[in-house]
Amino acid sequence: MIRIALVGCGTMGETHAHAYTSLEDAKVVAVCDIRSHHAEALASLLGCEAFTSYEEMNKKADYDVLDICLPTYLHSRYAIDAMKSGKHVFCEKPIALTLEDANRMVETAEENKVTFSVGHVLRFFPQYQTAADQIKAGRIGTPALLRTTRNQAFPGWSWENWYQDLEKSGGPEVDLAIHDYDWLLCNFGPVKRVYAKNLGPKHPEQMHTLAILRFASGAMAHVEASWALPKGIEFRTTFELVGTDGQLCYDSTRDCPLKTQLGSDEEVSLFYDNPLSEEMNPYRAELAAFLHAVEHKTEPVVTAAEAIAALHIALAAKESARSGKVVRL
């Protein structure tokens, strides 16, 4: 039985907590959040102890893995501290805000011989897994033109509105588009150059990024990620993958198995429900894969080096948008 401590009981902490409840060989023994009501709510769900101080949890709880679901600017601090204590670490994406912090995290994991992975969960979504399998099987021939979108309203519900602070979130390039950067790198190989435009700090609640990636293979990708949609508009992801022999397409707003919309005079609520078995839950799958790597001392499905590669693309997109120039990698 692998014992887990979870720090950060917000949206992603809740998502991870629910996933852990269906994993037989894992047990969350402690949760931590400076907001006591969030910690206590998850502790009640999981049947474990709640803490409002990471330091106190680290002293009192006996655990093997630290699951970090904190805002991005806190990732490296807690990951490095846990690794130095001999704990394995699963960290939500992105790995960090800077390549320097990311490299320090990897170095610390290697020095302390612990398993470290980052939550690039897109690889575990059935739609994206199926597309990757079709590409590898040569179904559409040689990939040439790739397009992804990941668009939503600004996430104004975040703790202390940290998404709006680019020094804490990195903006949609680092927090949002990085999902697609990781998936594209994993399936289409390294990127040679990046050119991007964005709506940045001058539009704090309408951040938007467009990036063009040229791969070493010659393929080209157009990656769009937005926090600029009107409040209440549904979150949408798409991909169009064009090869020499065919095309693969996906649109979350058209292909979701079950969509429920509730309305009143004050607000509209939209819910997506997946009627597939719990084993198909991508968050459960990514955590199960990580715990398998911990138990069997094997390389994680998502390596820290791959997480750094995705961050490198995201930062290159930010630099290109700032300078107006192509960034070569």
C-alpha atoms as a PDB file:
ATOM      1  CA  MET A   1       0.000   0.000   0.000  1.00  0.00           C
ATOM      2  CA  ILE A   2       1.461   3.365  -1.072  1.00  0.00           C
ATOM      3  CA  ARG A   3       0.695   6.185   1.343  1.00  0.00           C
ATOM      4  CA  ILE A   4       0.018   9.608  -0.142  1.00  0.00           C
ATOM      5  CA  ALA A   5      -0.064  13.115   1.290  1.00  0.00           C
ATOM      6  CA  LEU A   6      -1.857  15.693  -0.828  1.00  0.00           C
ATOM      7  CA  VAL A   7      -1.048  19.411  -0.563  1.00  0.00           C
ATOM      8  CA  GLY A   8      -3.493  21.838  -2.150  1.00  0.00           C
ATOM      9  CA  CYS A   9      -7.193  21.000  -1.804  1.00  0.00           C
ATOM     10  CA  GLY A  10      -8.643  23.239  -4.514  1.00  0.00           C
ATOM     11  CA  THR A  11     -10.009  22.164  -7.884  1.00  0.00           C
ATOM     12  CA  MET A  12      -7.138  19.860  -8.849  1.00  0.00           C
ATOM     13  CA  GLY A  13      -6.707  18.576  -5.309  1.00  0.00           C
ATOM     14  CA  GLU A  14     -10.355  17.508  -5.331  1.00  0.00           C
ATOM     15  CA  THR A  15      -9.886  15.894  -8.743  1.00  0.00           C
ATOM     16  CA  HIS A  16      -6.904  13.872  -7.532  1.00  0.00           C
ATOM     17  CA  ALA A  17      -8.636  12.967  -4.283  1.00  0.00           C
ATOM     18  CA  HIS A  18     -11.640  11.478  -6.087  1.00  0.00           C
ATOM     19  CA  ALA A  19      -9.304   9.536  -8.390  1.00  0.00           C
ATOM     20  CA  TYR A  20      -7.424   8.048  -5.434  1.00  0.00           C
ATOM     21  CA  THR A  21     -10.646   6.677  -3.927  1.00  0.00           C
ATOM     22  CA  SER A  22     -10.814   4.124  -6.758  1.00  0.00           C
ATOM     23  CA  LEU A  23      -7.181   2.964  -6.531  1.00  0.00           C
ATOM     24  CA  GLU A  24      -6.928  -0.174  -4.408  1.00  0.00           C
ATOM     25  CA  ASP A  25      -3.200  -0.070  -3.660  1.00  0.00           C
ATOM     26  CA  ALA A  26      -3.074   3.594  -2.656  1.00  0.00           C
ATOM     27  CA  LYS A  27      -4.231   5.412   0.438  1.00  0.00           C
ATOM     28  CA  VAL A  28      -4.282   9.152   1.040  1.00  0.00           C
ATOM     29  CA  VAL A  29      -3.243   9.489   4.682  1.00  0.00           C
ATOM     30  CA  ALA A  30      -3.108  13.292   4.936  1.00  0.00           C
ATOM     31  CA  VAL A  31      -4.277  16.410   3.107  1.00  0.00           C
ATOM     32  CA  CYS A  32      -3.140  19.984   3.563  1.00  0.00           C
ATOM     33  CA  ASP A  33      -4.502  23.398   2.632  1.00  0.00           C
ATOM     34  CA  ILE A  34      -4.190  26.748   4.376  1.00  0.00           C
ATOM     35  CA  ARG A  35      -7.974  27.020   3.982  1.00  0.00           C
ATOM     36  CA  SER A  36      -9.136  24.678   6.724  1.00  0.00           C
ATOM     37  CA  HIS A  37     -12.605  24.080   5.260  1.00  0.00           C
ATOM     38  CA  HIS A  38     -11.089  22.801   2.003  1.00  0.00           C
ATOM     39  CA  ALA A  39      -8.706  20.480   3.841  1.00  0.00           C
ATOM     40  CA  GLU A  40     -11.423  19.176   6.159  1.00  0.00           C
ATOM     41  CA  ALA A  41     -13.824  18.512   3.272  1.00  0.00           C
ATOM     42  CA  LEU A  42     -11.292  16.330   1.444  1.00  0.00           C
ATOM     43  CA  ALA A  43     -10.174  14.649   4.669  1.00  0.00           C
ATOM     44  CA  SER A  44     -13.797  13.675   5.286  1.00  0.00           C
ATOM     45  CA  LEU A  45     -14.061  12.185   1.800  1.00  0.00           C
ATOM     46  CA  LEU A  46     -10.811  10.255   2.122  1.00  0.00           C
ATOM     47  CA  GLY A  47     -11.002   9.300   5.791  1.00  0.00           C
ATOM     48  CA  CYS A  48      -7.662  10.882   6.633  1.00  0.00           C
ATOM     49  CA  GLU A  49      -6.170  13.679   8.726  1.00  0.00           C
ATOM     50  CA  ALA A  50      -6.408  17.336   7.669  1.00  0.00           C
ATOM     51  CA  PHE A  51      -3.644  19.907   8.115  1.00  0.00           C
ATOM     52  CA  THR A  52      -3.352  23.627   7.437  1.00  0.00           C
ATOM     53  CA  SER A  53       0.454  23.593   7.582  1.00  0.00           C
ATOM     54  CA  TYR A  54       2.684  21.595   5.252  1.00  0.00           C
ATOM     55  CA  GLU A  55       5.464  21.627   7.842  1.00  0.00           C
ATOM     56  CA  GLU A  56       3.156  20.133  10.469  1.00  0.00           C
ATOM     57  CA  MET A  57       1.900  17.511   8.042  1.00  0.00           C
ATOM     58  CA  ASN A  58       5.459  16.597   7.141  1.00  0.00           C
ATOM     59  CA  LYS A  59       6.302  16.039  10.808  1.00  0.00           C
ATOM     60  CA  LYS A  60       3.204  14.094  11.821  1.00  0.00           C
ATOM     61  CA  ALA A  61       2.101  12.160   8.736  1.00  0.00           C
ATOM     62  CA  ASP A  62       3.816   8.966   7.607  1.00  0.00           C
ATOM     63  CA  TYR A  63       3.692   8.896   3.809  1.00  0.00           C
ATOM     64  CA  ASP A  64       5.619   7.815   0.711  1.00  0.00           C
ATOM     65  CA  VAL A  65       4.371  10.206  -1.984  1.00  0.00           C
ATOM     66  CA  LEU A  66       3.641  13.920  -1.969  1.00  0.00           C
ATOM     67  CA  ASP A  67       0.984  14.960  -4.487  1.00  0.00           C
ATOM     68  CA  ILE A  68       1.322  18.692  -5.211  1.00  0.00           C
ATOM     69  CA  CYS A  69      -1.813  20.496  -6.398  1.00  0.00           C
ATOM     70  CA  LEU A  70      -0.673  24.008  -5.498  1.00  0.00           C
ATOM     71  CA  PRO A  71      -0.433  27.139  -7.678  1.00  0.00           C
ATOM     72  CA  THR A  72       2.469  26.869 -10.113  1.00  0.00           C
ATOM     73  CA  TYR A  73       4.773  29.344  -8.374  1.00  0.00           C
ATOM     74  CA  LEU A  74       4.832  27.055  -5.303  1.00  0.00           C
ATOM     75  CA  HIS A  75       5.671  23.809  -7.125  1.00  0.00           C
ATOM     76  CA  SER A  76       9.461  23.852  -6.895  1.00  0.00           C
ATOM     77  CA  ARG A  77       9.587  24.854  -3.215  1.00  0.00           C
ATOM     78  CA  TYR A  78       7.462  21.981  -1.959  1.00  0.00           C
ATOM     79  CA  ALA A  79       8.676  19.400  -4.467  1.00  0.00           C
ATOM     80  CA  ILE A  80      12.310  19.990  -3.561  1.00  0.00           C
ATOM     81  CA  ASP A  81      11.599  19.928   0.161  1.00  0.00           C
ATOM     82  CA  ALA A  82       9.722  16.637  -0.114  1.00  0.00           C
ATOM     83  CA  MET A  83      12.384  15.046  -2.300  1.00  0.00           C
ATOM     84  CA  LYS A  84      15.086  15.971   0.196  1.00  0.00           C
ATOM     85  CA  SER A  85      13.022  14.056   2.769  1.00  0.00           C
ATOM     86  CA  GLY A  86      13.084  10.992   0.521  1.00  0.00           C
ATOM     87  CA  LYS A  87       9.505  11.355  -0.712  1.00  0.00           C
ATOM     88  CA  HIS A  88       8.411  10.536  -4.238  1.00  0.00           C
ATOM     89  CA  VAL A  89       6.638  13.480  -5.880  1.00  0.00           C
ATOM     90  CA  PHE A  90       3.758  13.810  -8.292  1.00  0.00           C
ATOM     91  CA  CYS A  91       3.344  17.460  -9.273  1.00  0.00           C
ATOM     92  CA  GLU A  92       0.523  19.042 -11.212  1.00  0.00           C
ATOM     93  CA  LYS A  93       1.494  20.677 -14.491  1.00  0.00           C
ATOM     94  CA  PRO A  94       3.330  22.803 -15.385  1.00  0.00           C
ATOM     95  CA  ILE A  95       6.479  21.562 -13.679  1.00  0.00           C
ATOM     96  CA  ALA A  96       7.540  25.108 -12.724  1.00  0.00           C
ATOM     97  CA  LEU A  97       7.614  28.677 -14.002  1.00  0.00           C
ATOM     98  CA  THR A  98      11.294  28.703 -14.993  1.00  0.00           C
ATOM     99  CA  LEU A  99      13.715  26.242 -16.515  1.00  0.00           C
ATOM    100  CA  GLU A 100      16.083  26.915 -13.608  1.00  0.00           C
ATOM    101  CA  ASP A 101      13.505  25.797 -11.029  1.00  0.00           C
ATOM    102  CA  ALA A 102      12.504  22.825 -13.172  1.00  0.00           C
ATOM    103  CA  ASN A 103      16.116  21.666 -13.514  1.00  0.00           C
ATOM    104  CA  ARG A 104      16.636  22.016  -9.754  1.00  0.00           C
ATOM    105  CA  MET A 105      13.621  19.774  -9.171  1.00  0.00           C
ATOM    106  CA  VAL A 106      14.993  17.114 -11.515  1.00  0.00           C
ATOM    107  CA  GLU A 107      18.459  17.293  -9.991  1.00  0.00           C
ATOM    108  CA  THR A 108      17.035  16.931  -6.482  1.00  0.00           C
ATOM    109  CA  ALA A 109      14.981  13.887  -7.528  1.00  0.00           C
ATOM    110  CA  GLU A 110      18.077  12.255  -9.005  1.00  0.00           C
ATOM    111  CA  GLU A 111      20.246  13.068  -5.987  1.00  0.00           C
ATOM    112  CA  ASN A 112      17.709  11.558  -3.603  1.00  0.00           C
ATOM    113  CA  LYS A 113      16.782   8.638  -5.871  1.00  0.00           C
ATOM    114  CA  VAL A 114      13.056   9.326  -5.775  1.00  0.00           C
ATOM    115  CA  THR A 115      10.439   9.030  -8.499  1.00  0.00           C
ATOM    116  CA  PHE A 116       9.199  12.323  -9.933  1.00  0.00           C
ATOM    117  CA  SER A 117       6.525  13.000 -12.530  1.00  0.00           C
ATOM    118  CA  VAL A 118       4.310  15.852 -13.711  1.00  0.00           C
ATOM    119  CA  GLY A 119       0.573  15.798 -14.446  1.00  0.00           C
ATOM    120  CA  HIS A 120       0.442  16.104 -18.212  1.00  0.00           C
ATOM    121  CA  VAL A 121      -2.881  14.321 -18.171  1.00  0.00           C
ATOM    122  CA  LEU A 122      -3.805  14.903 -21.821  1.00  0.00           C
ATOM    123  CA  ARG A 123      -1.863  11.761 -22.742  1.00  0.00           C
ATOM    124  CA  PHE A 124      -4.352   9.746 -20.675  1.00  0.00           C
ATOM    125  CA  PHE A 125      -7.551  11.117 -22.250  1.00  0.00           C
ATOM    126  CA  PRO A 126      -9.099   8.364 -24.434  1.00  0.00           C
ATOM    127  CA  GLN A 127      -9.640  10.727 -27.380  1.00  0.00           C
ATOM    128  CA  TYR A 128      -5.996  11.792 -27.426  1.00  0.00           C
ATOM    129  CA  GLN A 129      -4.731   8.267 -26.769  1.00  0.00           C
ATOM    130  CA  THR A 130      -6.767   6.930 -29.693  1.00  0.00           C
ATOM    131  CA  ALA A 131      -5.502   9.674 -31.985  1.00  0.00           C
ATOM    132  CA  ALA A 132      -1.907   8.926 -30.963  1.00  0.00           C
ATOM    133  CA  ASP A 133      -2.446   5.213 -31.656  1.00  0.00           C
ATOM    134  CA  GLN A 134      -3.901   5.988 -35.102  1.00  0.00           C
ATOM    135  CA  ILE A 135      -0.933   8.232 -35.936  1.00  0.00           C
ATOM    136  CA  LYS A 136       1.591   5.585 -34.855  1.00  0.00           C
ATOM    137  CA  ALA A 137      -0.242   3.011 -36.948  1.00  0.00           C
ATOM    138  CA  GLY A 138       0.152   5.248 -39.996  1.00  0.00           C
ATOM    139  CA  ARG A 139      -3.600   5.690 -40.428  1.00  0.00           C
ATOM    140  CA  ILE A 140      -3.296   9.255 -41.800  1.00  0.00           C
ATOM    141  CA  GLY A 141       0.123   8.849 -43.369  1.00  0.00           C
ATOM    142  CA  THR A 142       2.891  11.304 -42.519  1.00  0.00           C
ATOM    143  CA  PRO A 143       1.638  14.067 -40.178  1.00  0.00           C
ATOM    144  CA  ALA A 144       2.019  17.484 -41.768  1.00  0.00           C
ATOM    145  CA  LEU A 145      -0.440  20.070 -40.420  1.00  0.00           C
ATOM    146  CA  LEU A 146      -1.588  20.072 -36.785  1.00  0.00           C
ATOM    147  CA  ARG A 147      -4.004  22.409 -35.047  1.00  0.00           C
ATOM    148  CA  THR A 148      -5.096  22.443 -31.404  1.00  0.00           C
ATOM    149  CA  THR A 149      -7.318  24.786 -29.424  1.00  0.00           C
ATOM    150  CA  ARG A 150      -7.920  25.037 -25.677  1.00  0.00           C
ATOM    151  CA  ASN A 151     -10.229  27.963 -24.992  1.00  0.00           C
ATOM    152  CA  GLN A 152     -12.218  29.129 -21.976  1.00  0.00           C
ATOM    153  CA  ALA A 153     -13.297  32.141 -19.965  1.00  0.00           C
ATOM    154  CA  PHE A 154     -10.798  33.612 -17.538  1.00  0.00           C
ATOM    155  CA  PRO A 155     -10.570  31.366 -14.412  1.00  0.00           C
ATOM    156  CA  GLY A 156     -11.541  34.084 -11.961  1.00  0.00           C
ATOM    157  CA  TRP A 157     -12.381  31.515  -9.271  1.00  0.00           C
ATOM    158  CA  SER A 158      -8.723  30.869  -8.415  1.00  0.00           C
ATOM    159  CA  TRP A 159      -7.324  31.380  -4.905  1.00  0.00           C
ATOM    160  CA  GLU A 160      -6.317  35.048  -4.533  1.00  0.00           C
ATOM    161  CA  ASN A 161      -6.812  35.330  -8.312  1.00  0.00           C
ATOM    162  CA  TRP A 162      -3.315  33.933  -8.861  1.00  0.00           C
ATOM    163  CA  TYR A 163      -3.945  33.077 -12.521  1.00  0.00           C
ATOM    164  CA  GLN A 164      -4.103  36.784 -13.349  1.00  0.00           C
ATOM    165  CA  ASP A 165      -0.618  37.353 -11.929  1.00  0.00           C
ATOM    166  CA  LEU A 166       1.786  36.320 -14.687  1.00  0.00           C
ATOM    167  CA  GLU A 167       4.596  36.058 -12.128  1.00  0.00           C
ATOM    168  CA  LYS A 168       2.610  33.268 -10.474  1.00  0.00           C
ATOM    169  CA  SER A 169       0.821  31.506 -13.350  1.00  0.00           C
ATOM    170  CA  GLY A 170       2.886  32.249 -16.441  1.00  0.00           C
ATOM    171  CA  GLY A 171      -0.295  33.053 -18.350  1.00  0.00           C
ATOM    172  CA  PRO A 172      -2.155  30.782 -20.784  1.00  0.00           C
ATOM    173  CA  GLU A 173       1.076  29.748 -22.546  1.00  0.00           C
ATOM    174  CA  VAL A 174       2.492  28.146 -19.405  1.00  0.00           C
ATOM    175  CA  ASP A 175      -0.708  27.062 -17.691  1.00  0.00           C
ATOM    176  CA  LEU A 176      -3.057  26.159 -20.538  1.00  0.00           C
ATOM    177  CA  ALA A 177      -1.317  25.648 -23.900  1.00  0.00           C
ATOM    178  CA  ILE A 178       1.316  23.517 -22.169  1.00  0.00           C
ATOM    179  CA  HIS A 179      -1.173  20.617 -22.258  1.00  0.00           C
ATOM    180  CA  ASP A 180      -1.021  20.632 -26.034  1.00  0.00           C
ATOM    181  CA  TYR A 181       2.699  21.381 -26.201  1.00  0.00           C
ATOM    182  CA  ASP A 182       3.396  18.225 -24.201  1.00  0.00           C
ATOM    183  CA  TRP A 183       1.060  16.080 -26.279  1.00  0.00           C
ATOM    184  CA  LEU A 184       2.459  17.382 -29.565  1.00  0.00           C
ATOM    185  CA  LEU A 185       6.067  16.848 -28.466  1.00  0.00           C
ATOM    186  CA  CYS A 186       5.248  13.336 -27.275  1.00  0.00           C
ATOM    187  CA  ASN A 187       3.670  12.321 -30.570  1.00  0.00           C
ATOM    188  CA  PHE A 188       5.397  14.403 -33.240  1.00  0.00           C
ATOM    189  CA  GLY A 189       8.928  14.859 -31.920  1.00  0.00           C
ATOM    190  CA  PRO A 190      11.099  17.878 -31.175  1.00  0.00           C
ATOM    191  CA  VAL A 191      10.346  21.458 -32.203  1.00  0.00           C
ATOM    192  CA  LYS A 192      12.919  23.568 -34.045  1.00  0.00           C
ATOM    193  CA  ARG A 193      11.353  27.015 -33.852  1.00  0.00           C
ATOM    194  CA  VAL A 194       8.417  28.911 -32.347  1.00  0.00           C
ATOM    195  CA  TYR A 195       6.597  32.063 -33.412  1.00  0.00           C
ATOM    196  CA  ALA A 196       3.768  33.452 -31.276  1.00  0.00           C
ATOM    197  CA  LYS A 197       1.446  36.358 -30.596  1.00  0.00           C
ATOM    198  CA  ASN A 198      -0.609  37.021 -27.473  1.00  0.00           C
ATOM    199  CA  LEU A 199      -2.850  39.291 -25.468  1.00  0.00           C
ATOM    200  CA  GLY A 200      -0.829  39.650 -22.297  1.00  0.00           C
ATOM    201  CA  PRO A 201      -0.663  41.909 -19.224  1.00  0.00           C
ATOM    202  CA  LYS A 202      -2.556  44.766 -20.898  1.00  0.00           C
ATOM    203  CA  HIS A 203      -5.590  42.491 -21.045  1.00  0.00           C
ATOM    204  CA  PRO A 204      -5.512  40.818 -17.596  1.00  0.00           C
ATOM    205  CA  GLU A 205      -8.870  39.073 -17.990  1.00  0.00           C
ATOM    206  CA  GLN A 206      -8.601  38.371 -21.717  1.00  0.00           C
ATOM    207  CA  MET A 207      -5.275  36.600 -22.056  1.00  0.00           C
ATOM    208  CA  HIS A 208      -4.915  34.724 -25.314  1.00  0.00           C
ATOM    209  CA  THR A 209      -2.039  33.065 -27.152  1.00  0.00           C
ATOM    210  CA  LEU A 210      -1.431  31.800 -30.678  1.00  0.00           C
ATOM    211  CA  ALA A 211       1.753  29.890 -31.486  1.00  0.00           C
ATOM    212  CA  ILE A 212       3.128  28.322 -34.646  1.00  0.00           C
ATOM    213  CA  LEU A 213       5.547  25.448 -34.086  1.00  0.00           C
ATOM    214  CA  ARG A 214       7.850  23.983 -36.722  1.00  0.00           C
ATOM    215  CA  PHE A 215       8.937  20.444 -35.931  1.00  0.00           C
ATOM    216  CA  ALA A 216      12.239  18.850 -36.842  1.00  0.00           C
ATOM    217  CA  SER A 217      10.191  16.439 -38.991  1.00  0.00           C
ATOM    218  CA  GLY A 218       8.955  19.354 -41.093  1.00  0.00           C
ATOM    219  CA  ALA A 219       5.405  19.252 -39.687  1.00  0.00           C
ATOM    220  CA  MET A 220       3.801  22.496 -38.555  1.00  0.00           C
ATOM    221  CA  ALA A 221       1.423  23.059 -35.637  1.00  0.00           C
ATOM    222  CA  HIS A 222      -0.915  25.928 -34.814  1.00  0.00           C
ATOM    223  CA  VAL A 223      -1.634  26.050 -31.059  1.00  0.00           C
ATOM    224  CA  GLU A 224      -4.318  28.350 -29.654  1.00  0.00           C
ATOM    225  CA  ALA A 225      -5.059  28.775 -25.944  1.00  0.00           C
ATOM    226  CA  SER A 226      -7.342  31.377 -24.456  1.00  0.00           C
ATOM    227  CA  TRP A 227      -8.648  32.836 -21.233  1.00  0.00           C
ATOM    228  CA  ALA A 228     -10.503  35.469 -23.268  1.00  0.00           C
ATOM    229  CA  LEU A 229     -13.921  33.909 -23.812  1.00  0.00           C
ATOM    230  CA  PRO A 230     -16.972  35.575 -22.211  1.00  0.00           C
ATOM    231  CA  LYS A 231     -17.886  34.441 -18.715  1.00  0.00           C
ATOM    232  CA  GLY A 232     -20.184  31.425 -18.805  1.00  0.00           C
ATOM    233  CA  ILE A 233     -18.996  30.142 -22.182  1.00  0.00           C
ATOM    234  CA  GLU A 234     -18.197  26.436 -22.095  1.00  0.00           C
ATOM    235  CA  PHE A 235     -14.599  25.232 -22.066  1.00  0.00           C
ATOM    236  CA  ARG A 236     -13.651  23.864 -25.477  1.00  0.00           C
ATOM    237  CA  THR A 237     -10.761  21.779 -26.766  1.00  0.00           C
ATOM    238  CA  THR A 238     -10.200  20.617 -30.335  1.00  0.00           C
ATOM    239  CA  PHE A 239      -7.600  19.058 -32.556  1.00  0.00           C
ATOM    240  CA  GLU A 240      -7.217  18.665 -36.312  1.00  0.00           C
ATOM    241  CA  LEU A 241      -4.378  16.400 -37.390  1.00  0.00           C
ATOM    242  CA  VAL A 242      -3.750  16.328 -41.134  1.00  0.00           C
ATOM    243  CA  GLY A 243      -1.444  13.807 -42.740  1.00  0.00           C
ATOM    244  CA  THR A 244      -0.519  12.837 -46.270  1.00  0.00           C
ATOM    245  CA  ASP A 245      -3.298  10.221 -46.351  1.00  0.00           C
ATOM    246  CA  GLY A 246      -6.022  11.519 -44.093  1.00  0.00           C
ATOM    247  CA  GLN A 247      -7.198  13.612 -41.155  1.00  0.00           C
ATOM    248  CA  LEU A 248      -8.172  13.087 -37.506  1.00  0.00           C
ATOM    249  CA  CYS A 249     -10.516  15.563 -35.800  1.00  0.00           C
ATOM    250  CA  TYR A 250     -11.951  16.060 -32.320  1.00  0.00           C
ATOM    251  CA  ASP A 251     -14.161  18.740 -30.756  1.00  0.00           C
ATOM    252  CA  SER A 252     -15.073  18.469 -27.069  1.00  0.00           C
ATOM    253  CA  THR A 253     -18.295  20.461 -27.494  1.00  0.00           C
ATOM    254  CA  ARG A 254     -19.592  18.041 -30.120  1.00  0.00           C
ATOM    255  CA  ASP A 255     -18.171  14.749 -28.945  1.00  0.00           C
ATOM    256  CA  CYS A 256     -18.841  14.822 -25.182  1.00  0.00           C
ATOM    257  CA  PRO A 257     -20.900  11.735 -24.216  1.00  0.00           C
ATOM    258  CA  LEU A 258     -23.312  13.604 -21.944  1.00  0.00           C
ATOM    259  CA  LYS A 259     -23.797  17.342 -21.469  1.00  0.00           C
ATOM    260  CA  THR A 260     -26.182  18.881 -18.923  1.00  0.00           C
ATOM    261  CA  GLN A 261     -27.042  22.585 -18.939  1.00  0.00           C
ATOM    262  CA  LEU A 262     -28.953  24.250 -16.124  1.00  0.00           C
ATOM    263  CA  GLY A 263     -30.170  27.838 -16.245  1.00  0.00           C
ATOM    264  CA  SER A 264     -31.749  30.444 -14.023  1.00  0.00           C
ATOM    265  CA  ASP A 265     -32.185  34.197 -14.101  1.00  0.00           C
ATOM    266  CA  GLU A 266     -28.822  34.602 -12.354  1.00  0.00           C
ATOM    267  CA  GLU A 267     -26.530  32.090 -14.033  1.00  0.00           C
ATOM    268  CA  VAL A 268     -26.103  29.217 -16.425  1.00  0.00           C
ATOM    269  CA  SER A 269     -24.315  26.039 -15.359  1.00  0.00           C
ATOM    270  CA  LEU A 270     -22.877  23.454 -17.718  1.00  0.00           C
ATOM    271  CA  PHE A 271     -21.774  19.957 -16.695  1.00  0.00           C
ATOM    272  CA  TYR A 272     -20.025  17.202 -18.640  1.00  0.00           C
ATOM    273  CA  ASP A 273     -20.635  13.634 -17.472  1.00  0.00           C
ATOM    274  CA  ASN A 274     -18.700  10.617 -18.651  1.00  0.00           C
ATOM    275  CA  PRO A 275     -20.724   7.381 -18.622  1.00  0.00           C
ATOM    276  CA  LEU A 276     -17.570   5.295 -19.127  1.00  0.00           C
ATOM    277  CA  SER A 277     -16.155   3.160 -16.315  1.00  0.00           C
ATOM    278  CA  GLU A 278     -13.973   4.711 -13.600  1.00  0.00           C
ATOM    279  CA  GLU A 279     -10.975   2.917 -15.142  1.00  0.00           C
ATOM    280  CA  MET A 280     -11.293   5.301 -18.107  1.00  0.00           C
ATOM    281  CA  ASN A 281     -10.935   8.396 -15.906  1.00  0.00           C
ATOM    282  CA  PRO A 282      -7.755  10.075 -17.227  1.00  0.00           C
ATOM    283  CA  TYR A 283      -6.772  11.462 -13.819  1.00  0.00           C
ATOM    284  CA  ARG A 284      -7.124   8.028 -12.261  1.00  0.00           C
ATOM    285  CA  ALA A 285      -5.054   6.579 -15.108  1.00  0.00           C
ATOM    286  CA  GLU A 286      -2.216   9.076 -14.739  1.00  0.00           C
ATOM    287  CA  LEU A 287      -2.012   8.612 -10.963  1.00  0.00           C
ATOM    288  CA  ALA A 288      -2.179   4.816 -11.306  1.00  0.00           C
ATOM    289  CA  ALA A 289       0.672   4.955 -13.831  1.00  0.00           C
ATOM    290  CA  PHE A 290       2.778   7.086 -11.503  1.00  0.00           C
ATOM    291  CA  LEU A 291       2.185   4.842  -8.491  1.00  0.00           C
ATOM    292  CA  HIS A 292       3.075   1.817 -10.623  1.00  0.00           C
ATOM    293  CA  ALA A 293       6.404   3.491 -11.427  1.00  0.00           C
ATOM    294  CA  VAL A 294       6.979   4.168  -7.724  1.00  0.00           C
ATOM    295  CA  GLU A 295       6.175   0.615  -6.715  1.00  0.00           C
ATOM    296  CA  HIS A 296       8.195  -1.075  -9.469  1.00  0.00           C
ATOM    297  CA  LYS A 297      10.987   1.518  -9.604  1.00  0.00           C
ATOM    298  CA  THR A 298      10.470   2.134 -13.303  1.00  0.00           C
ATOM    299  CA  GLU A 299      10.497   5.320 -15.361  1.00  0.00           C
ATOM    300  CA  PRO A 300       7.205   7.253 -15.182  1.00  0.00           C
ATOM    301  CA  VAL A 301       5.040   7.547 -18.290  1.00  0.00           C
ATOM    302  CA  VAL A 302       5.572  11.324 -18.155  1.00  0.00           C
ATOM    303  CA  THR A 303       9.208  11.988 -17.377  1.00  0.00           C
ATOM    304  CA  ALA A 304      10.526  15.153 -15.798  1.00  0.00           C
ATOM    305  CA  ALA A 305      12.641  15.741 -18.902  1.00  0.00           C
ATOM    306  CA  GLU A 306       9.483  15.739 -21.031  1.00  0.00           C
ATOM    307  CA  ALA A 307       7.812  18.190 -18.643  1.00  0.00           C
ATOM    308  CA  ILE A 308      10.821  20.502 -19.022  1.00  0.00           C
ATOM    309  CA  ALA A 309      10.636  20.209 -22.819  1.00  0.00           C
ATOM    310  CA  ALA A 310       6.996  21.350 -22.759  1.00  0.00           C
ATOM    311  CA  LEU A 311       7.890  24.259 -20.468  1.00  0.00           C
ATOM    312  CA  HIS A 312      10.689  25.209 -22.865  1.00  0.00           C
ATOM    313  CA  ILE A 313       8.158  25.548 -25.708  1.00  0.00           C
ATOM    314  CA  ALA A 314       5.773  27.570 -23.528  1.00  0.00           C
ATOM    315  CA  LEU A 315       8.516  29.982 -22.503  1.00  0.00           C
ATOM    316  CA  ALA A 316       9.702  30.256 -26.113  1.00  0.00           C
ATOM    317  CA  ALA A 317       6.140  31.235 -27.110  1.00  0.00           C
ATOM    318  CA  LYS A 318       6.096  33.930 -24.430  1.00  0.00           C
ATOM    319  CA  GLU A 319       9.475  35.247 -25.575  1.00  0.00           C
ATOM    320  CA  SER A 320       8.441  35.254 -29.225  1.00  0.00           C
ATOM    321  CA  ALA A 321       5.252  37.182 -28.414  1.00  0.00           C
ATOM    322  CA  ARG A 322       7.301  39.680 -26.384  1.00  0.00           C
ATOM    323  CA  SER A 323      10.022  40.221 -28.982  1.00  0.00           C
ATOM    324  CA  GLY A 324       7.988  39.750 -32.150  1.00  0.00           C
ATOM    325  CA  LYS A 325      10.671  37.378 -33.417  1.00  0.00           C
ATOM    326  CA  VAL A 326      10.999  33.684 -34.117  1.00  0.00           C
ATOM    327  CA  VAL A 327      12.629  31.755 -31.255  1.00  0.00           C
ATOM    328  CA  ARG A 328      14.859  28.911 -32.388  1.00  0.00           C
ATOM    329  CA  LEU A 329      15.383  25.934 -30.100  1.00  0.00           C
END
